[in-house]
């Protein structure tokens, strides 16, 4: 199983401030929703994996995705109308659930959507797939940060990924672009 990550960060690697995005980029956010929801074949849905704090900080519409919350604590997710489909206490538990007979035929693609600890966990795991990272060309006050990618990741040309906006985009006077990374192949 491959778990793709999708995020946006500003120049100082900020991804959040007080439980919200530090910027307002509706077109970029619409791309995020399109990518993470996808266009799965009939009978299948995409999965999003997110941390409990990320889940609790945002009112998540189901968006026809399977929502998996990772939480190291036994603290329940916030009580609201929307409940996650599954709560796991480790990435391995989430993967085992997704690969189980009950779920494996219902899943198209899997995306981790934050926060910091979830991105780091996926990047450091054997499950790491494609990294979709929007670089916002500005600095914002942030209290949550994207983990810097080390030299085990390589930058790919975006023209091989027609689902992502190509080149530099501008909205609300703010420039942004999507970068695509994957782990370098190691010689066996």
N, C-alpha and C. Protein backbone atom coordinates (compact mmCIF):
# COMPACT_ATOMS: atom_id res chain seq x y z
N UNK A 1 0.84 -1.18 0.00
CA UNK A 1 0.00 0.00 0.00
C UNK A 1 0.88 1.24 0.00
N UNK A 2 0.51 2.21 -0.82
CA UNK A 2 1.20 3.50 -0.84
C UNK A 2 0.26 4.56 -0.27
N UNK A 3 0.82 5.39 0.60
CA UNK A 3 0.08 6.51 1.18
C UNK A 3 0.72 7.78 0.64
N UNK A 4 -0.05 8.54 -0.13
CA UNK A 4 0.42 9.81 -0.68
C UNK A 4 0.17 10.89 0.38
N UNK A 5 1.00 11.93 0.34
CA UNK A 5 0.75 13.05 1.24
C UNK A 5 0.43 14.27 0.39
N UNK A 6 -0.48 15.09 0.90
CA UNK A 6 -0.85 16.32 0.22
C UNK A 6 -0.95 17.43 1.26
N UNK A 7 -0.22 18.52 0.98
CA UNK A 7 -0.18 19.64 1.93
C UNK A 7 0.22 20.91 1.20
N UNK A 8 0.09 22.01 1.90
CA UNK A 8 0.60 23.30 1.45
C UNK A 8 1.39 23.88 2.61
N UNK A 9 2.52 24.51 2.29
CA UNK A 9 3.30 25.18 3.33
C UNK A 9 3.81 26.50 2.77
N UNK A 10 4.04 27.44 3.69
CA UNK A 10 4.58 28.74 3.28
C UNK A 10 6.10 28.70 3.40
N UNK A 11 6.75 29.84 3.15
CA UNK A 11 8.22 29.90 3.11
C UNK A 11 8.87 29.40 4.39
N UNK A 12 8.24 29.63 5.54
CA UNK A 12 8.81 29.18 6.81
C UNK A 12 8.30 27.78 7.19
N UNK A 13 7.75 27.06 6.21
CA UNK A 13 7.22 25.70 6.36
C UNK A 13 5.96 25.64 7.21
N UNK A 14 5.35 26.78 7.50
CA UNK A 14 4.11 26.80 8.27
C UNK A 14 2.98 26.14 7.49
N UNK A 15 2.16 25.36 8.23
CA UNK A 15 0.98 24.72 7.63
C UNK A 15 -0.29 25.06 8.41
N UNK A 16 -0.14 25.65 9.59
CA UNK A 16 -1.31 25.97 10.37
C UNK A 16 -1.03 27.01 11.43
N UNK A 17 -2.11 27.68 11.83
CA UNK A 17 -2.01 28.65 12.92
C UNK A 17 -3.33 28.64 13.68
N UNK A 18 -3.25 28.28 14.96
CA UNK A 18 -4.43 28.23 15.83
C UNK A 18 -5.55 27.38 15.22
N UNK A 19 -5.17 26.25 14.64
CA UNK A 19 -6.16 25.30 14.13
C UNK A 19 -6.72 25.61 12.76
N UNK A 20 -6.16 26.60 12.07
CA UNK A 20 -6.65 26.96 10.73
C UNK A 20 -5.47 27.14 9.79
N UNK A 21 -5.78 27.21 8.50
CA UNK A 21 -4.75 27.55 7.53
C UNK A 21 -4.37 29.02 7.72
N UNK A 22 -3.09 29.36 7.59
CA UNK A 22 -2.69 30.75 7.77
C UNK A 22 -3.04 31.65 6.58
N UNK A 23 -3.53 31.11 5.50
CA UNK A 23 -3.82 31.87 4.28
C UNK A 23 -5.19 31.48 3.74
N UNK A 24 -5.67 32.26 2.79
CA UNK A 24 -6.92 31.94 2.11
C UNK A 24 -6.63 31.86 0.61
N UNK A 25 -6.58 30.63 0.11
CA UNK A 25 -6.32 30.37 -1.31
C UNK A 25 -7.38 29.38 -1.80
N UNK A 26 -8.58 29.87 -2.13
CA UNK A 26 -9.68 28.98 -2.50
C UNK A 26 -9.37 28.05 -3.68
N UNK A 27 -8.64 28.54 -4.68
CA UNK A 27 -8.32 27.69 -5.83
C UNK A 27 -7.37 26.57 -5.42
N UNK A 28 -6.39 26.90 -4.59
CA UNK A 28 -5.45 25.87 -4.11
C UNK A 28 -6.20 24.86 -3.25
N UNK A 29 -7.11 25.33 -2.40
CA UNK A 29 -7.87 24.42 -1.55
C UNK A 29 -8.78 23.53 -2.40
N UNK A 30 -9.36 24.07 -3.45
CA UNK A 30 -10.21 23.27 -4.35
C UNK A 30 -9.38 22.17 -5.01
N UNK A 31 -8.13 22.48 -5.38
CA UNK A 31 -7.22 21.45 -5.93
C UNK A 31 -6.99 20.35 -4.90
N UNK A 32 -6.71 20.74 -3.64
CA UNK A 32 -6.51 19.77 -2.56
C UNK A 32 -7.72 18.84 -2.43
N UNK A 33 -8.92 19.40 -2.44
CA UNK A 33 -10.14 18.59 -2.32
C UNK A 33 -10.27 17.66 -3.52
N UNK A 34 -10.06 18.18 -4.73
CA UNK A 34 -10.14 17.35 -5.95
C UNK A 34 -9.16 16.20 -5.89
N UNK A 35 -7.91 16.49 -5.50
CA UNK A 35 -6.88 15.46 -5.46
C UNK A 35 -7.20 14.40 -4.42
N UNK A 36 -7.55 14.83 -3.21
CA UNK A 36 -7.77 13.86 -2.13
C UNK A 36 -9.08 13.09 -2.29
N UNK A 37 -10.05 13.67 -2.97
CA UNK A 37 -11.31 12.97 -3.23
C UNK A 37 -11.17 12.09 -4.46
N UNK A 38 -10.50 12.61 -5.47
CA UNK A 38 -10.22 11.83 -6.67
C UNK A 38 -11.45 11.50 -7.49
N UNK A 39 -11.25 10.56 -8.38
CA UNK A 39 -12.32 10.07 -9.24
C UNK A 39 -12.23 8.55 -9.27
N UNK A 40 -12.50 7.92 -8.12
CA UNK A 40 -12.34 6.47 -8.05
C UNK A 40 -13.37 5.74 -8.92
N UNK A 41 -13.05 4.49 -9.29
CA UNK A 41 -14.02 3.70 -10.03
C UNK A 41 -15.26 3.40 -9.18
N UNK A 42 -16.37 3.03 -9.80
CA UNK A 42 -17.59 2.73 -9.04
C UNK A 42 -17.33 1.72 -7.92
N UNK A 43 -17.93 2.01 -6.75
CA UNK A 43 -17.81 1.11 -5.61
C UNK A 43 -16.58 1.34 -4.76
N UNK A 44 -15.73 2.29 -5.15
CA UNK A 44 -14.52 2.58 -4.38
C UNK A 44 -14.49 4.05 -3.99
N UNK A 45 -13.74 4.36 -2.92
CA UNK A 45 -13.53 5.75 -2.48
C UNK A 45 -12.07 5.92 -2.09
N UNK A 46 -11.62 7.16 -2.11
CA UNK A 46 -10.30 7.47 -1.59
C UNK A 46 -10.37 7.53 -0.07
N UNK A 47 -9.22 7.37 0.54
CA UNK A 47 -9.08 7.42 1.99
C UNK A 47 -8.24 8.63 2.33
N UNK A 48 -8.60 9.36 3.39
CA UNK A 48 -7.72 10.37 3.96
C UNK A 48 -7.38 9.95 5.38
N UNK A 49 -6.08 10.05 5.68
CA UNK A 49 -5.57 9.76 7.02
C UNK A 49 -5.14 11.10 7.62
N UNK A 50 -5.62 11.39 8.82
CA UNK A 50 -5.28 12.65 9.47
C UNK A 50 -5.19 12.45 10.96
N UNK A 51 -4.46 13.34 11.60
CA UNK A 51 -4.32 13.28 13.04
C UNK A 51 -5.57 13.78 13.74
N UNK A 52 -5.68 13.42 15.03
CA UNK A 52 -6.86 13.82 15.81
C UNK A 52 -6.98 15.33 15.91
N UNK A 53 -5.85 16.03 16.13
CA UNK A 53 -5.92 17.49 16.24
C UNK A 53 -6.39 18.11 14.93
N UNK A 54 -5.94 17.58 13.81
CA UNK A 54 -6.39 18.09 12.51
C UNK A 54 -7.87 17.83 12.34
N UNK A 55 -8.32 16.64 12.70
CA UNK A 55 -9.75 16.32 12.63
C UNK A 55 -10.56 17.26 13.52
N UNK A 56 -10.09 17.42 14.76
CA UNK A 56 -10.84 18.25 15.72
C UNK A 56 -10.88 19.72 15.33
N UNK A 57 -9.86 20.19 14.60
CA UNK A 57 -9.79 21.62 14.29
C UNK A 57 -10.61 22.02 13.07
N UNK A 58 -11.09 21.05 12.32
CA UNK A 58 -11.82 21.38 11.10
C UNK A 58 -13.11 20.59 11.01
N UNK A 59 -14.18 21.24 10.61
CA UNK A 59 -15.42 20.50 10.37
C UNK A 59 -15.34 19.80 9.02
N UNK A 60 -14.99 18.54 9.05
CA UNK A 60 -14.77 17.79 7.81
C UNK A 60 -16.07 17.29 7.22
N UNK A 61 -16.34 17.73 6.02
CA UNK A 61 -17.43 17.12 5.27
C UNK A 61 -16.89 15.81 4.74
N UNK A 62 -17.71 14.83 4.70
CA UNK A 62 -17.25 13.50 4.27
C UNK A 62 -16.65 13.54 2.87
N UNK A 63 -17.17 14.36 1.98
CA UNK A 63 -16.63 14.51 0.64
C UNK A 63 -16.44 13.18 -0.07
N UNK A 64 -17.27 12.22 0.28
CA UNK A 64 -17.21 10.90 -0.34
C UNK A 64 -15.82 10.27 -0.20
N UNK A 65 -15.17 10.52 0.95
CA UNK A 65 -13.88 9.90 1.27
C UNK A 65 -14.06 9.07 2.53
N UNK A 66 -13.21 8.10 2.69
CA UNK A 66 -13.13 7.33 3.93
C UNK A 66 -12.16 8.07 4.84
N UNK A 67 -12.62 8.48 6.03
CA UNK A 67 -11.81 9.26 6.96
C UNK A 67 -11.24 8.36 8.06
N UNK A 68 -9.90 8.33 8.15
CA UNK A 68 -9.21 7.56 9.18
C UNK A 68 -8.43 8.54 10.04
N UNK A 69 -8.73 8.57 11.33
CA UNK A 69 -8.03 9.45 12.27
C UNK A 69 -6.99 8.63 13.00
N UNK A 70 -5.73 9.13 13.02
CA UNK A 70 -4.67 8.52 13.81
C UNK A 70 -4.54 9.29 15.11
N UNK A 71 -4.56 8.58 16.21
CA UNK A 71 -4.45 9.21 17.52
C UNK A 71 -3.68 8.29 18.45
N UNK A 72 -2.60 8.83 19.04
CA UNK A 72 -1.82 8.02 19.99
C UNK A 72 -2.53 7.92 21.34
N UNK A 73 -3.43 8.86 21.61
CA UNK A 73 -4.10 8.86 22.91
C UNK A 73 -5.45 8.15 22.80
N UNK A 74 -6.03 7.91 23.93
CA UNK A 74 -7.37 7.33 23.97
C UNK A 74 -8.43 8.41 24.03
N UNK A 75 -7.99 9.68 23.94
CA UNK A 75 -8.94 10.80 23.96
C UNK A 75 -9.83 10.68 22.72
N UNK A 76 -11.14 10.72 22.91
CA UNK A 76 -12.02 10.58 21.74
C UNK A 76 -11.96 11.80 20.83
N UNK A 77 -12.28 11.56 19.56
CA UNK A 77 -12.38 12.70 18.64
C UNK A 77 -13.57 13.52 19.07
N UNK A 78 -13.57 14.81 18.71
CA UNK A 78 -14.65 15.69 19.13
C UNK A 78 -15.99 15.16 18.66
N UNK A 79 -16.98 15.31 19.52
CA UNK A 79 -18.32 14.86 19.21
C UNK A 79 -19.01 15.88 18.32
N UNK A 80 -19.30 15.47 17.13
CA UNK A 80 -20.04 16.31 16.19
C UNK A 80 -20.81 15.39 15.26
N UNK A 81 -21.55 15.95 14.35
CA UNK A 81 -22.36 15.12 13.46
C UNK A 81 -21.52 14.17 12.62
N UNK A 82 -20.36 14.62 12.15
CA UNK A 82 -19.47 13.78 11.35
C UNK A 82 -18.54 13.00 12.26
N UNK A 83 -18.48 11.73 12.07
CA UNK A 83 -17.54 10.87 12.79
C UNK A 83 -16.59 10.27 11.78
N UNK A 84 -15.32 10.05 12.16
CA UNK A 84 -14.43 9.35 11.23
C UNK A 84 -14.93 7.92 11.02
N UNK A 85 -14.54 7.34 9.90
CA UNK A 85 -14.92 5.95 9.64
C UNK A 85 -14.15 5.00 10.54
N UNK A 86 -12.95 5.42 10.96
CA UNK A 86 -12.10 4.54 11.75
C UNK A 86 -11.12 5.40 12.53
N UNK A 87 -10.80 5.01 13.75
CA UNK A 87 -9.74 5.64 14.55
C UNK A 87 -8.69 4.58 14.81
N UNK A 88 -7.45 4.89 14.44
CA UNK A 88 -6.33 3.96 14.65
C UNK A 88 -5.32 4.60 15.59
N UNK A 89 -4.59 3.76 16.31
CA UNK A 89 -3.60 4.27 17.26
C UNK A 89 -2.18 4.22 16.71
N UNK A 90 -2.02 3.73 15.47
CA UNK A 90 -0.72 3.72 14.81
C UNK A 90 -0.94 3.65 13.31
N UNK A 91 0.09 4.00 12.56
CA UNK A 91 0.01 3.90 11.11
C UNK A 91 -0.16 2.43 10.69
N UNK A 92 0.54 1.56 11.39
CA UNK A 92 0.44 0.13 11.08
C UNK A 92 -0.98 -0.39 11.30
N UNK A 93 -1.63 0.07 12.37
CA UNK A 93 -3.02 -0.34 12.61
C UNK A 93 -3.93 0.17 11.49
N UNK A 94 -3.71 1.40 11.05
CA UNK A 94 -4.52 1.96 9.96
C UNK A 94 -4.31 1.16 8.67
N UNK A 95 -3.05 0.85 8.35
CA UNK A 95 -2.76 0.08 7.13
C UNK A 95 -3.38 -1.31 7.23
N UNK A 96 -3.26 -1.96 8.39
CA UNK A 96 -3.87 -3.29 8.55
C UNK A 96 -5.38 -3.23 8.34
N UNK A 97 -6.02 -2.20 8.85
CA UNK A 97 -7.47 -2.05 8.66
C UNK A 97 -7.78 -1.86 7.18
N UNK A 98 -7.02 -0.98 6.52
CA UNK A 98 -7.29 -0.68 5.10
C UNK A 98 -7.01 -1.87 4.20
N UNK A 99 -6.10 -2.74 4.61
CA UNK A 99 -5.78 -3.93 3.82
C UNK A 99 -6.64 -5.14 4.20
N UNK A 100 -7.52 -4.97 5.19
CA UNK A 100 -8.37 -6.08 5.64
C UNK A 100 -9.41 -6.44 4.58
N UNK A 101 -9.94 -7.65 4.67
CA UNK A 101 -10.96 -8.09 3.72
C UNK A 101 -12.16 -7.16 3.70
N UNK A 102 -12.48 -6.58 4.87
CA UNK A 102 -13.64 -5.69 4.97
C UNK A 102 -13.47 -4.40 4.15
N UNK A 103 -12.23 -3.89 4.04
CA UNK A 103 -12.01 -2.58 3.43
C UNK A 103 -11.27 -2.59 2.10
N UNK A 104 -10.39 -3.55 1.84
CA UNK A 104 -9.46 -3.45 0.72
C UNK A 104 -10.12 -3.27 -0.64
N UNK A 105 -11.29 -3.84 -0.85
CA UNK A 105 -11.95 -3.71 -2.15
C UNK A 105 -12.78 -2.42 -2.28
N UNK A 106 -12.82 -1.62 -1.20
CA UNK A 106 -13.58 -0.37 -1.21
C UNK A 106 -12.67 0.85 -1.42
N UNK A 107 -11.35 0.62 -1.50
CA UNK A 107 -10.38 1.71 -1.48
C UNK A 107 -9.71 1.89 -2.83
N UNK A 108 -9.62 3.17 -3.24
CA UNK A 108 -8.91 3.48 -4.47
C UNK A 108 -7.49 3.99 -4.14
N UNK A 109 -7.38 5.19 -3.59
CA UNK A 109 -6.08 5.75 -3.21
C UNK A 109 -6.15 6.25 -1.78
N UNK A 110 -4.96 6.36 -1.15
CA UNK A 110 -4.88 6.78 0.25
C UNK A 110 -4.01 8.03 0.33
N UNK A 111 -4.50 9.06 1.03
CA UNK A 111 -3.79 10.32 1.20
C UNK A 111 -3.70 10.67 2.68
N UNK A 112 -2.50 11.07 3.12
CA UNK A 112 -2.34 11.65 4.46
C UNK A 112 -2.48 13.16 4.29
N UNK A 113 -3.30 13.79 5.16
CA UNK A 113 -3.58 15.22 4.99
C UNK A 113 -3.23 16.04 6.24
N UNK A 114 -2.40 15.50 7.13
CA UNK A 114 -1.89 16.30 8.24
C UNK A 114 -2.29 15.79 9.60
N UNK A 115 -1.69 16.38 10.54
CA UNK A 115 -0.72 17.45 10.59
C UNK A 115 0.71 16.95 10.51
N UNK A 116 1.59 17.75 11.13
CA UNK A 116 3.03 17.52 11.07
C UNK A 116 3.41 16.09 11.38
N UNK A 117 2.95 15.57 12.52
CA UNK A 117 3.35 14.22 12.95
C UNK A 117 2.89 13.16 11.96
N UNK A 118 1.73 13.33 11.37
CA UNK A 118 1.23 12.36 10.40
C UNK A 118 2.09 12.40 9.14
N UNK A 119 2.41 13.60 8.64
CA UNK A 119 3.28 13.70 7.47
C UNK A 119 4.62 13.03 7.74
N UNK A 120 5.23 13.34 8.88
CA UNK A 120 6.55 12.78 9.23
C UNK A 120 6.47 11.26 9.32
N UNK A 121 5.44 10.75 9.95
CA UNK A 121 5.25 9.31 10.09
C UNK A 121 5.17 8.63 8.72
N UNK A 122 4.39 9.20 7.82
CA UNK A 122 4.25 8.62 6.48
C UNK A 122 5.55 8.75 5.70
N UNK A 123 6.20 9.93 5.74
CA UNK A 123 7.45 10.12 4.99
C UNK A 123 8.53 9.15 5.43
N UNK A 124 8.55 8.81 6.71
CA UNK A 124 9.58 7.91 7.23
C UNK A 124 9.20 6.43 7.10
N UNK A 125 8.04 6.14 6.57
CA UNK A 125 7.55 4.76 6.52
C UNK A 125 7.79 4.13 5.14
N UNK A 126 7.70 2.81 5.07
CA UNK A 126 7.79 2.13 3.76
C UNK A 126 6.53 2.34 2.92
N UNK A 127 5.50 2.96 3.47
CA UNK A 127 4.24 3.18 2.76
C UNK A 127 4.25 4.50 1.97
N UNK A 128 5.31 5.30 2.12
CA UNK A 128 5.33 6.64 1.51
C UNK A 128 5.21 6.55 -0.01
N UNK A 129 4.19 7.20 -0.53
CA UNK A 129 3.97 7.27 -1.97
C UNK A 129 4.40 8.63 -2.49
N UNK A 130 3.58 9.22 -3.32
CA UNK A 130 3.87 10.52 -3.91
C UNK A 130 3.59 11.63 -2.89
N UNK A 131 4.47 12.63 -2.86
CA UNK A 131 4.31 13.79 -1.99
C UNK A 131 3.88 14.96 -2.88
N UNK A 132 2.67 15.46 -2.64
CA UNK A 132 2.13 16.63 -3.35
C UNK A 132 2.24 17.80 -2.38
N UNK A 133 3.16 18.72 -2.67
CA UNK A 133 3.42 19.82 -1.75
C UNK A 133 3.26 21.16 -2.46
N UNK A 134 2.27 21.93 -2.04
CA UNK A 134 2.10 23.29 -2.55
C UNK A 134 3.00 24.22 -1.76
N UNK A 135 3.82 24.97 -2.49
CA UNK A 135 4.71 25.96 -1.87
C UNK A 135 4.05 27.33 -2.02
N UNK A 136 3.65 27.90 -0.89
CA UNK A 136 3.04 29.23 -0.88
C UNK A 136 4.17 30.24 -0.73
N UNK A 137 4.28 31.16 -1.70
CA UNK A 137 5.40 32.08 -1.77
C UNK A 137 5.17 33.31 -0.88
N UNK A 138 5.07 33.08 0.41
CA UNK A 138 4.90 34.14 1.41
C UNK A 138 5.20 33.51 2.77
N UNK A 139 5.41 34.36 3.77
CA UNK A 139 5.59 33.87 5.14
C UNK A 139 4.38 34.25 5.96
N UNK A 140 3.95 33.32 6.79
CA UNK A 140 2.79 33.54 7.66
C UNK A 140 3.14 33.10 9.06
N UNK A 141 2.54 33.77 10.03
CA UNK A 141 2.69 33.33 11.41
C UNK A 141 2.06 31.94 11.50
N UNK A 142 2.81 31.01 12.06
CA UNK A 142 2.38 29.61 12.11
C UNK A 142 2.77 29.00 13.44
N UNK A 143 1.99 28.02 13.86
CA UNK A 143 2.36 27.25 15.05
C UNK A 143 2.46 25.76 14.75
N UNK A 144 2.20 25.40 13.50
CA UNK A 144 2.34 24.02 13.03
C UNK A 144 3.12 24.06 11.73
N UNK A 145 4.08 23.13 11.57
CA UNK A 145 5.00 23.21 10.46
C UNK A 145 5.10 21.88 9.70
N UNK A 146 5.37 22.00 8.42
CA UNK A 146 5.56 20.83 7.57
C UNK A 146 6.97 20.29 7.80
N UNK A 147 7.12 18.96 7.91
CA UNK A 147 8.47 18.42 8.10
C UNK A 147 9.30 18.58 6.82
N UNK A 148 10.49 19.11 6.95
CA UNK A 148 11.35 19.30 5.78
C UNK A 148 11.70 17.94 5.18
N UNK A 149 11.66 17.90 3.86
CA UNK A 149 12.01 16.67 3.14
C UNK A 149 13.53 16.57 3.07
N UNK A 150 14.05 15.39 3.40
CA UNK A 150 15.50 15.22 3.36
C UNK A 150 15.93 14.80 1.95
N UNK A 151 17.22 14.47 1.81
CA UNK A 151 17.74 14.16 0.48
C UNK A 151 17.36 12.76 -0.01
N UNK A 152 16.52 12.04 0.76
CA UNK A 152 16.01 10.76 0.26
C UNK A 152 14.83 10.98 -0.70
N UNK A 153 14.38 12.24 -0.84
CA UNK A 153 13.29 12.58 -1.75
C UNK A 153 13.84 13.28 -2.98
N UNK A 154 13.23 13.00 -4.13
CA UNK A 154 13.62 13.70 -5.35
C UNK A 154 12.41 14.44 -5.91
N UNK A 155 12.70 15.62 -6.47
CA UNK A 155 11.69 16.45 -7.10
C UNK A 155 11.40 15.91 -8.49
N UNK A 156 10.13 15.77 -8.82
CA UNK A 156 9.72 15.25 -10.12
C UNK A 156 9.13 16.37 -10.97
N UNK A 157 9.17 16.22 -12.30
CA UNK A 157 8.50 17.21 -13.15
C UNK A 157 6.98 17.08 -13.00
N UNK A 158 6.31 18.21 -12.85
CA UNK A 158 4.86 18.17 -12.65
C UNK A 158 4.09 17.85 -13.92
N UNK A 159 4.73 17.99 -15.09
CA UNK A 159 3.98 17.72 -16.32
C UNK A 159 3.58 16.25 -16.46
N UNK A 160 4.15 15.38 -15.64
CA UNK A 160 3.73 13.97 -15.61
C UNK A 160 2.51 13.76 -14.72
N UNK A 161 2.02 14.83 -14.11
CA UNK A 161 0.89 14.78 -13.18
C UNK A 161 -0.17 15.78 -13.62
N UNK A 162 -0.99 15.41 -14.60
CA UNK A 162 -1.97 16.37 -15.15
C UNK A 162 -3.03 16.80 -14.13
N UNK A 163 -3.15 16.10 -13.01
CA UNK A 163 -4.16 16.46 -12.01
C UNK A 163 -3.74 17.66 -11.16
N UNK A 164 -2.48 18.10 -11.29
CA UNK A 164 -2.02 19.23 -10.48
C UNK A 164 -1.92 20.49 -11.32
N UNK A 165 -2.15 21.66 -10.71
CA UNK A 165 -1.96 22.92 -11.43
C UNK A 165 -0.49 23.03 -11.87
N UNK A 166 -0.28 23.46 -13.09
CA UNK A 166 1.06 23.53 -13.65
C UNK A 166 1.64 24.94 -13.49
N UNK A 167 2.88 25.03 -13.08
CA UNK A 167 3.57 26.31 -12.99
C UNK A 167 3.10 27.15 -11.82
N UNK A 168 3.53 28.39 -11.82
CA UNK A 168 3.21 29.32 -10.74
C UNK A 168 1.78 29.82 -10.92
N UNK A 169 1.02 29.74 -9.85
CA UNK A 169 -0.36 30.23 -9.81
C UNK A 169 -0.38 31.49 -8.94
N UNK A 170 -1.37 32.33 -9.15
CA UNK A 170 -1.51 33.51 -8.28
C UNK A 170 -2.97 33.70 -7.94
N UNK A 171 -3.20 33.95 -6.66
CA UNK A 171 -4.57 34.19 -6.19
C UNK A 171 -4.50 35.08 -4.97
N UNK A 172 -5.39 36.04 -4.91
CA UNK A 172 -5.39 37.02 -3.81
C UNK A 172 -4.03 37.69 -3.64
N UNK A 173 -3.30 37.86 -4.75
CA UNK A 173 -1.98 38.48 -4.70
C UNK A 173 -0.89 37.59 -4.15
N UNK A 174 -1.18 36.31 -3.95
CA UNK A 174 -0.21 35.37 -3.39
C UNK A 174 0.13 34.34 -4.45
N UNK A 175 1.43 34.13 -4.68
CA UNK A 175 1.89 33.14 -5.64
C UNK A 175 2.08 31.80 -4.94
N UNK A 176 1.75 30.73 -5.68
CA UNK A 176 1.96 29.38 -5.18
C UNK A 176 2.19 28.43 -6.34
N UNK A 177 2.85 27.32 -6.06
CA UNK A 177 3.05 26.28 -7.07
C UNK A 177 3.09 24.92 -6.38
N UNK A 178 2.70 23.91 -7.14
CA UNK A 178 2.71 22.55 -6.61
C UNK A 178 4.01 21.88 -7.02
N UNK A 179 4.66 21.26 -6.04
CA UNK A 179 5.84 20.44 -6.30
C UNK A 179 5.50 18.99 -5.98
N UNK A 180 6.08 18.08 -6.74
CA UNK A 180 5.83 16.65 -6.57
C UNK A 180 7.15 15.98 -6.21
N UNK A 181 7.13 15.16 -5.18
CA UNK A 181 8.33 14.44 -4.74
C UNK A 181 8.01 12.95 -4.61
N UNK A 182 9.06 12.16 -4.70
CA UNK A 182 8.95 10.75 -4.34
C UNK A 182 10.29 10.32 -3.76
N UNK A 183 10.26 9.22 -3.02
CA UNK A 183 11.51 8.70 -2.46
C UNK A 183 12.39 8.21 -3.59
N UNK A 184 13.68 8.47 -3.47
CA UNK A 184 14.63 7.98 -4.48
C UNK A 184 14.67 6.47 -4.42
N UNK A 185 14.82 5.88 -5.57
CA UNK A 185 14.95 4.43 -5.65
C UNK A 185 16.37 4.06 -5.21
N UNK A 186 16.46 3.08 -4.33
CA UNK A 186 17.77 2.64 -3.87
C UNK A 186 18.15 1.37 -4.62
N UNK A 187 19.43 1.24 -4.91
CA UNK A 187 19.91 0.05 -5.62
C UNK A 187 19.79 -1.16 -4.71
N UNK A 188 19.34 -2.24 -5.26
CA UNK A 188 19.17 -3.47 -4.48
C UNK A 188 20.38 -4.35 -4.59
